[in-house]
C-alpha atoms as a PDB file:
ATOM      1  CA  MET A   1       0.012  -0.072  -0.062  1.00  0.00           C
ATOM      2  CA  ALA A   2       1.319   3.463  -0.858  1.00  0.00           C
ATOM      3  CA  ASN A   3       2.048   5.714   1.926  1.00  0.00           C
ATOM      4  CA  ASP A   4      -0.654   8.501   2.586  1.00  0.00           C
ATOM      5  CA  ALA A   5       0.025  11.725   0.889  1.00  0.00           C
ATOM      6  CA  ASN A   6      -0.797  13.758   4.078  1.00  0.00           C
ATOM      7  CA  ILE A   7       0.204  13.091   7.657  1.00  0.00           C
ATOM      8  CA  ILE A   8      -1.989  14.913  10.217  1.00  0.00           C
ATOM      9  CA  GLN A   9      -1.419  15.326  13.974  1.00  0.00           C
ATOM     10  CA  ALA A  10      -4.589  15.581  16.272  1.00  0.00           C
ATOM     11  CA  VAL A  11      -4.398  16.808  19.627  1.00  0.00           C
ATOM     12  CA  VAL A  12      -7.377  16.046  22.118  1.00  0.00           C
ATOM     13  CA  ARG A  13      -7.490  18.531  24.767  1.00  0.00           C
ATOM     14  CA  GLY A  14      -9.560  18.532  28.053  1.00  0.00           C
ATOM     15  CA  PHE A  15      -9.149  18.318  31.737  1.00  0.00           C
ATOM     16  CA  VAL A  16      -9.451  15.967  34.768  1.00  0.00           C
ATOM     17  CA  GLN A  17     -10.170  17.380  38.027  1.00  0.00           C
ATOM     18  CA  GLY A  18      -8.860  20.731  37.223  1.00  0.00           C
ATOM     19  CA  GLN A  19      -5.880  19.422  35.430  1.00  0.00           C
ATOM     20  CA  ASP A  20      -4.960  19.471  31.889  1.00  0.00           C
ATOM     21  CA  TYR A  21      -5.643  16.328  29.870  1.00  0.00           C
ATOM     22  CA  ARG A  22      -3.940  15.985  26.325  1.00  0.00           C
ATOM     23  CA  ASN A  23      -3.691  13.156  23.779  1.00  0.00           C
ATOM     24  CA  VAL A  24      -1.732  13.163  20.658  1.00  0.00           C
ATOM     25  CA  LEU A  25      -2.945  10.950  17.686  1.00  0.00           C
ATOM     26  CA  HIS A  26      -1.560  10.604  14.292  1.00  0.00           C
ATOM     27  CA  PHE A  27      -3.436   9.948  10.969  1.00  0.00           C
ATOM     28  CA  GLY A  28      -2.641   9.406   7.435  1.00  0.00           C
ATOM     29  CA  THR A  29      -4.823  10.343   4.555  1.00  0.00           C
ATOM     30  CA  ASP A  30      -5.136  11.045   0.996  1.00  0.00           C
ATOM     31  CA  GLU A  31      -8.096  13.401   1.358  1.00  0.00           C
ATOM     32  CA  GLY A  32      -7.705  16.926   0.073  1.00  0.00           C
ATOM     33  CA  VAL A  33      -4.325  15.901  -1.798  1.00  0.00           C
ATOM     34  CA  ASN A  34      -4.534  18.680  -4.440  1.00  0.00           C
ATOM     35  CA  ASP A  35      -5.992  21.354  -1.912  1.00  0.00           C
ATOM     36  CA  THR A  36      -4.361  24.491  -1.015  1.00  0.00           C
ATOM     37  CA  ASP A  37      -6.261  25.037   1.972  1.00  0.00           C
ATOM     38  CA  TYR A  38      -6.489  22.141   4.368  1.00  0.00           C
ATOM     39  CA  SER A  39      -9.076  23.549   6.874  1.00  0.00           C
ATOM     40  CA  ALA A  40     -12.007  21.433   5.421  1.00  0.00           C
ATOM     41  CA  ILE A  41     -10.239  17.993   5.985  1.00  0.00           C
ATOM     42  CA  LEU A  42      -8.845  19.075   9.392  1.00  0.00           C
ATOM     43  CA  ALA A  43     -12.196  20.104  10.646  1.00  0.00           C
ATOM     44  CA  ALA A  44     -13.887  16.845   9.344  1.00  0.00           C
ATOM     45  CA  LEU A  45     -11.165  14.803  11.270  1.00  0.00           C
ATOM     46  CA  GLY A  46     -11.531  16.700  14.426  1.00  0.00           C
ATOM     47  CA  LEU A  47     -15.483  16.079  14.371  1.00  0.00           C
ATOM     48  CA  ALA A  48     -14.872  12.434  13.589  1.00  0.00           C
ATOM     49  CA  ILE A  49     -12.651  12.108  16.729  1.00  0.00           C
ATOM     50  CA  ILE A  50     -14.496  14.192  19.139  1.00  0.00           C
ATOM     51  CA  GLN A  51     -17.727  12.323  18.525  1.00  0.00           C
ATOM     52  CA  CYS A  52     -16.161   9.181  19.940  1.00  0.00           C
ATOM     53  CA  TYR A  53     -15.198  11.039  23.087  1.00  0.00           C
ATOM     54  CA  VAL A  54     -18.543  13.092  23.564  1.00  0.00           C
ATOM     55  CA  GLU A  55     -20.894  10.276  22.555  1.00  0.00           C
ATOM     56  CA  VAL A  56     -19.362   7.219  23.855  1.00  0.00           C
ATOM     57  CA  LEU A  57     -17.232   8.195  26.852  1.00  0.00           C
ATOM     58  CA  LEU A  58     -18.464  11.217  28.405  1.00  0.00           C
ATOM     59  CA  PRO A  59     -22.063  10.141  29.122  1.00  0.00           C
ATOM     60  CA  ASP A  60     -20.560   7.308  31.535  1.00  0.00           C
ATOM     61  CA  LEU A  61     -17.631   9.445  33.069  1.00  0.00           C
ATOM     62  CA  PRO A  62     -17.757  11.942  36.091  1.00  0.00           C
ATOM     63  CA  ASN A  63     -18.509  15.527  35.495  1.00  0.00           C
ATOM     64  CA  THR A  64     -14.915  16.393  37.018  1.00  0.00           C
ATOM     65  CA  CYS A  65     -13.432  15.413  33.450  1.00  0.00           C
ATOM     66  CA  GLY A  66     -14.284  16.542  30.101  1.00  0.00           C
ATOM     67  CA  ILE A  67     -13.279  17.665  26.556  1.00  0.00           C
ATOM     68  CA  ASN A  68     -12.457  21.243  25.545  1.00  0.00           C
ATOM     69  CA  HIS A  69     -11.654  20.559  21.773  1.00  0.00           C
ATOM     70  CA  VAL A  70      -9.829  18.604  19.304  1.00  0.00           C
ATOM     71  CA  GLY A  71      -7.011  20.242  17.274  1.00  0.00           C
ATOM     72  CA  CYS A  72      -5.609  19.066  13.891  1.00  0.00           C
ATOM     73  CA  LYS A  73      -3.022  20.216  11.637  1.00  0.00           C
ATOM     74  CA  ARG A  74      -1.193  18.639   8.659  1.00  0.00           C
ATOM     75  CA  ILE A  75       2.470  17.925   9.514  1.00  0.00           C
ATOM     76  CA  PHE A  76       3.527  16.312   6.327  1.00  0.00           C
ATOM     77  CA  PRO A  77       4.624  17.286   3.574  1.00  0.00           C
ATOM     78  CA  SER A  78       4.264  20.699   5.041  1.00  0.00           C
ATOM     79  CA  VAL A  79       2.795  22.126   8.109  1.00  0.00           C
ATOM     80  CA  SER A  80      -0.530  23.851   8.186  1.00  0.00           C
ATOM     81  CA  ASP A  81      -2.400  26.011  10.562  1.00  0.00           C
ATOM     82  CA  GLU A  82      -4.197  24.146  13.377  1.00  0.00           C
ATOM     83  CA  VAL A  83      -7.900  23.793  12.965  1.00  0.00           C
ATOM     84  CA  LEU A  84      -9.944  23.471  16.113  1.00  0.00           C
ATOM     85  CA  ASN A  85     -13.336  21.556  16.625  1.00  0.00           C
ATOM     86  CA  ALA A  86     -15.214  21.735  19.915  1.00  0.00           C
ATOM     87  CA  THR A  87     -18.622  20.150  18.598  1.00  0.00           C
ATOM     88  CA  GLY A  88     -20.392  18.548  21.488  1.00  0.00           C
ATOM     89  CA  ALA A  89     -17.469  19.425  23.800  1.00  0.00           C
ATOM     90  CA  GLY A  90     -18.172  19.457  27.645  1.00  0.00           C
ATOM     91  CA  ASN A  91     -18.109  17.575  30.934  1.00  0.00           C
ATOM     92  CA  GLY A  92     -18.883  14.222  31.730  1.00  0.00           C
ATOM     93  CA  SER A  93     -22.353  13.306  32.754  1.00  0.00           C
ATOM     94  CA  LEU A  94     -22.088  11.448  36.118  1.00  0.00           C
ATOM     95  CA  SER A  95     -22.071  13.346  39.492  1.00  0.00           C
ATOM     96  CA  THR A  96     -20.437  10.117  41.050  1.00  0.00           C
ATOM     97  CA  ALA A  97     -16.725  10.540  42.149  1.00  0.00           C
ATOM     98  CA  GLY A  98     -13.792   9.615  39.767  1.00  0.00           C
ATOM     99  CA  LEU A  99     -10.627   8.215  40.628  1.00  0.00           C
ATOM    100  CA  PRO A 100      -7.586  10.599  41.236  1.00  0.00           C
ATOM    101  CA  SER A 101      -6.376  12.547  38.134  1.00  0.00           C
ATOM    102  CA  PHE A 102      -3.067  10.659  37.888  1.00  0.00           C
ATOM    103  CA  VAL A 103      -5.125   7.183  37.247  1.00  0.00           C
ATOM    104  CA  ALA A 104      -5.512   6.440  33.663  1.00  0.00           C
ATOM    105  CA  THR A 105      -7.001   3.896  31.190  1.00  0.00           C
ATOM    106  CA  LYS A 106      -4.410   2.593  28.773  1.00  0.00           C
ATOM    107  CA  MET A 107      -5.277   2.280  25.001  1.00  0.00           C
ATOM    108  CA  GLU A 108      -2.674   0.233  23.016  1.00  0.00           C
ATOM    109  CA  ILE A 109      -2.330   0.782  19.216  1.00  0.00           C
ATOM    110  CA  ARG A 110      -0.808  -2.080  17.178  1.00  0.00           C
ATOM    111  CA  THR A 111       0.425  -1.854  13.465  1.00  0.00           C
ATOM    112  CA  GLY A 112       1.235  -5.389  12.783  1.00  0.00           C
ATOM    113  CA  GLY A 113       5.045  -4.890  12.846  1.00  0.00           C
ATOM    114  CA  GLY A 114       7.349  -5.682  15.742  1.00  0.00           C
ATOM    115  CA  GLY A 115       9.267  -3.508  18.213  1.00  0.00           C
ATOM    116  CA  ARG A 116       8.534  -0.349  19.916  1.00  0.00           C
ATOM    117  CA  ARG A 117       8.352   1.793  16.852  1.00  0.00           C
ATOM    118  CA  ASN A 118       5.599  -0.009  15.370  1.00  0.00           C
ATOM    119  CA  ARG A 119       3.144   0.144  18.387  1.00  0.00           C
ATOM    120  CA  GLY A 120       1.843   3.133  20.533  1.00  0.00           C
ATOM    121  CA  ARG A 121      -0.359   3.920  23.350  1.00  0.00           C
ATOM    122  CA  ILE A 122      -2.542   6.687  24.785  1.00  0.00           C
ATOM    123  CA  TYR A 123      -3.813   7.154  28.399  1.00  0.00           C
ATOM    124  CA  LEU A 124      -7.541   8.001  28.591  1.00  0.00           C
ATOM    125  CA  PHE A 125      -9.665   9.260  31.168  1.00  0.00           C
ATOM    126  CA  PRO A 126      -9.693   7.406  34.614  1.00  0.00           C
ATOM    127  CA  PRO A 127     -12.871   5.322  35.059  1.00  0.00           C
ATOM    128  CA  THR A 128     -15.160   5.806  38.112  1.00  0.00           C
ATOM    129  CA  GLU A 129     -14.807   3.882  41.249  1.00  0.00           C
ATOM    130  CA  ALA A 130     -17.807   1.638  40.224  1.00  0.00           C
ATOM    131  CA  GLN A 131     -16.181   0.795  36.931  1.00  0.00           C
ATOM    132  CA  THR A 132     -13.129  -0.516  38.866  1.00  0.00           C
ATOM    133  CA  THR A 133     -12.025  -3.191  41.521  1.00  0.00           C
ATOM    134  CA  ASP A 134      -8.612  -3.928  42.948  1.00  0.00           C
ATOM    135  CA  SER A 135      -7.016  -1.877  40.290  1.00  0.00           C
ATOM    136  CA  PHE A 136      -8.809  -3.484  37.531  1.00  0.00           C
ATOM    137  CA  LEU A 137     -11.528  -2.367  35.189  1.00  0.00           C
ATOM    138  CA  THR A 138     -14.795  -4.185  35.936  1.00  0.00           C
ATOM    139  CA  GLN A 139     -16.602  -5.664  33.106  1.00  0.00           C
ATOM    140  CA  ALA A 140     -18.851  -2.465  32.947  1.00  0.00           C
ATOM    141  CA  GLY A 141     -15.588  -0.516  32.822  1.00  0.00           C
ATOM    142  CA  ASN A 142     -14.035  -2.591  30.172  1.00  0.00           C
ATOM    143  CA  ASP A 143     -17.113  -2.484  28.112  1.00  0.00           C
ATOM    144  CA  LEU A 144     -17.287   1.278  28.238  1.00  0.00           C
ATOM    145  CA  PHE A 145     -13.550   1.799  27.014  1.00  0.00           C
ATOM    146  CA  ALA A 146     -14.238  -0.988  24.545  1.00  0.00           C
ATOM    147  CA  SER A 147     -17.012   0.737  22.918  1.00  0.00           C
ATOM    148  CA  PHE A 148     -14.802   3.870  22.566  1.00  0.00           C
ATOM    149  CA  ILE A 149     -11.990   2.241  20.917  1.00  0.00           C
ATOM    150  CA  ALA A 150     -14.581   0.339  18.784  1.00  0.00           C
ATOM    151  CA  CYS A 151     -15.905   3.747  17.790  1.00  0.00           C
ATOM    152  CA  LEU A 152     -12.308   4.757  16.729  1.00  0.00           C
ATOM    153  CA  ALA A 153     -11.459   1.678  14.849  1.00  0.00           C
ATOM    154  CA  GLY A 154     -14.815   1.834  12.897  1.00  0.00           C
ATOM    155  CA  LYS A 155     -13.753   5.152  11.577  1.00  0.00           C
ATOM    156  CA  PHE A 156      -9.981   4.774  11.155  1.00  0.00           C
ATOM    157  CA  ILE A 157      -8.741   1.266  10.957  1.00  0.00           C
ATOM    158  CA  GLY A 158      -8.963  -1.162   8.278  1.00  0.00           C
ATOM    159  CA  SER A 159     -10.599  -1.576   4.717  1.00  0.00           C
ATOM    160  CA  GLY A 160     -14.000  -0.949   6.417  1.00  0.00           C
ATOM    161  CA  ALA A 161     -13.216   2.371   7.926  1.00  0.00           C
ATOM    162  CA  THR A 162     -15.954   4.880   7.442  1.00  0.00           C
ATOM    163  CA  THR A 163     -13.618   7.873   7.024  1.00  0.00           C
ATOM    164  CA  GLY A 164     -10.759   8.637   4.676  1.00  0.00           C
ATOM    165  CA  TYR A 165      -8.383   8.958   7.516  1.00  0.00           C
ATOM    166  CA  ARG A 166      -6.211   6.204   8.985  1.00  0.00           C
ATOM    167  CA  LEU A 167      -5.003   6.033  12.653  1.00  0.00           C
ATOM    168  CA  GLY A 168      -1.535   4.917  13.119  1.00  0.00           C
ATOM    169  CA  VAL A 169       1.827   5.393  14.935  1.00  0.00           C
ATOM    170  CA  LEU A 170       4.314   7.995  14.178  1.00  0.00           C
ATOM    171  CA  SER A 171       7.846   6.697  15.298  1.00  0.00           C
ATOM    172  CA  ARG A 172      10.003   9.767  16.412  1.00  0.00           C
ATOM    173  CA  LYS A 173      12.998   7.330  16.644  1.00  0.00           C
ATOM    174  CA  SER A 174      12.543   6.489  12.930  1.00  0.00           C
ATOM    175  CA  ILE A 175      12.448  10.167  12.201  1.00  0.00           C
ATOM    176  CA  SER A 176      15.741  10.795  14.336  1.00  0.00           C
ATOM    177  CA  GLU A 177      17.344   7.968  12.131  1.00  0.00           C
ATOM    178  CA  GLY A 178      16.715   9.798   8.866  1.00  0.00           C
ATOM    179  CA  GLN A 179      13.200   8.578   7.742  1.00  0.00           C
ATOM    180  CA  THR A 180      10.565  11.365   6.747  1.00  0.00           C
ATOM    181  CA  VAL A 181       7.186  11.850   8.766  1.00  0.00           C
ATOM    182  CA  GLN A 182       5.641  10.075   5.826  1.00  0.00           C
ATOM    183  CA  GLN A 183       7.867   6.836   6.101  1.00  0.00           C
ATOM    184  CA  ALA A 184       7.903   6.931   9.852  1.00  0.00           C
ATOM    185  CA  PHE A 185       4.114   6.811  10.083  1.00  0.00           C
ATOM    186  CA  LYS A 186       2.385   3.118  10.043  1.00  0.00           C
ATOM    187  CA  PRO A 187      -1.176   2.625  10.011  1.00  0.00           C
ATOM    188  CA  ALA A 188      -2.853   0.969  12.946  1.00  0.00           C
ATOM    189  CA  THR A 189      -4.310  -2.734  12.521  1.00  0.00           C
ATOM    190  CA  SER A 190      -5.767  -3.000  16.003  1.00  0.00           C
ATOM    191  CA  LEU A 191      -6.707  -1.200  19.140  1.00  0.00           C
ATOM    192  CA  THR A 192      -6.866  -2.743  22.581  1.00  0.00           C
ATOM    193  CA  VAL A 193      -7.726  -1.517  26.173  1.00  0.00           C
ATOM    194  CA  SER A 194      -5.683  -2.777  29.053  1.00  0.00           C
ATOM    195  CA  ASN A 195      -8.017  -4.097  31.916  1.00  0.00           C
ATOM    196  CA  THR A 196      -5.065  -2.969  34.485  1.00  0.00           C
ATOM    197  CA  LEU A 197      -5.419   0.736  35.531  1.00  0.00           C
ATOM    198  CA  ALA A 198      -2.390   2.956  34.455  1.00  0.00           C
ATOM    199  CA  ILE A 199      -0.570   6.081  35.812  1.00  0.00           C
ATOM    200  CA  MET A 200      -0.650   9.117  33.770  1.00  0.00           C
ATOM    201  CA  GLY A 201       3.038  10.126  34.557  1.00  0.00           C
ATOM    202  CA  ARG A 202       2.629  13.356  32.394  1.00  0.00           C
ATOM    203  CA  ARG A 203      -0.142  15.319  30.749  1.00  0.00           C
ATOM    204  CA  LYS A 204       1.066  15.200  27.297  1.00  0.00           C
ATOM    205  CA  GLN A 205       0.458  11.794  25.840  1.00  0.00           C
ATOM    206  CA  GLY A 206       1.605  10.844  22.323  1.00  0.00           C
ATOM    207  CA  VAL A 207       1.629   7.894  20.075  1.00  0.00           C
ATOM    208  CA  GLY A 208       4.816   6.268  18.964  1.00  0.00           C
ATOM    209  CA  SER A 209       8.472   5.719  20.127  1.00  0.00           C
END
């Protein structure tokens, strides 16, 4: 398969108990390949991403966490301005207590290749106390985050993807070794959620090595 003509960086910005929450995702696409203004394809990608957060995750998460917007910019073959999409953004819907802000749910991204540069991870919002037991997700907690990654996979992974954007892993190590951003990007083949609770050691969470 030919490499995607455009590589896009998407940044999901939100909050957890007053702390900044930030996830960085990368996508390849051939959408808008002949455009001079990429704002339309960037806005469309931002909408597709934020819908999974606000329609799947936020209804079953505490109101102490939420999404502000998703910002997308083209980073290859040239860098564009960032386009923000805040459609439906807001707080979680539950009034129940959430776990501490440093607790997270880990999503793993696989590309079918071996080695660290061919896989990535991001740290999602912490679940509620009712969605965990003994530092593990309960079945209800697992079902919630599995539904979220199914939303992403349905839109951005494989031949059945419903959009023209492909979620993947961008290896910083490959770039440091001389590959272009396009060469260092590998499309994802699967997403999984870890049943073991994770620690969000830093607020800026990216995908890749």
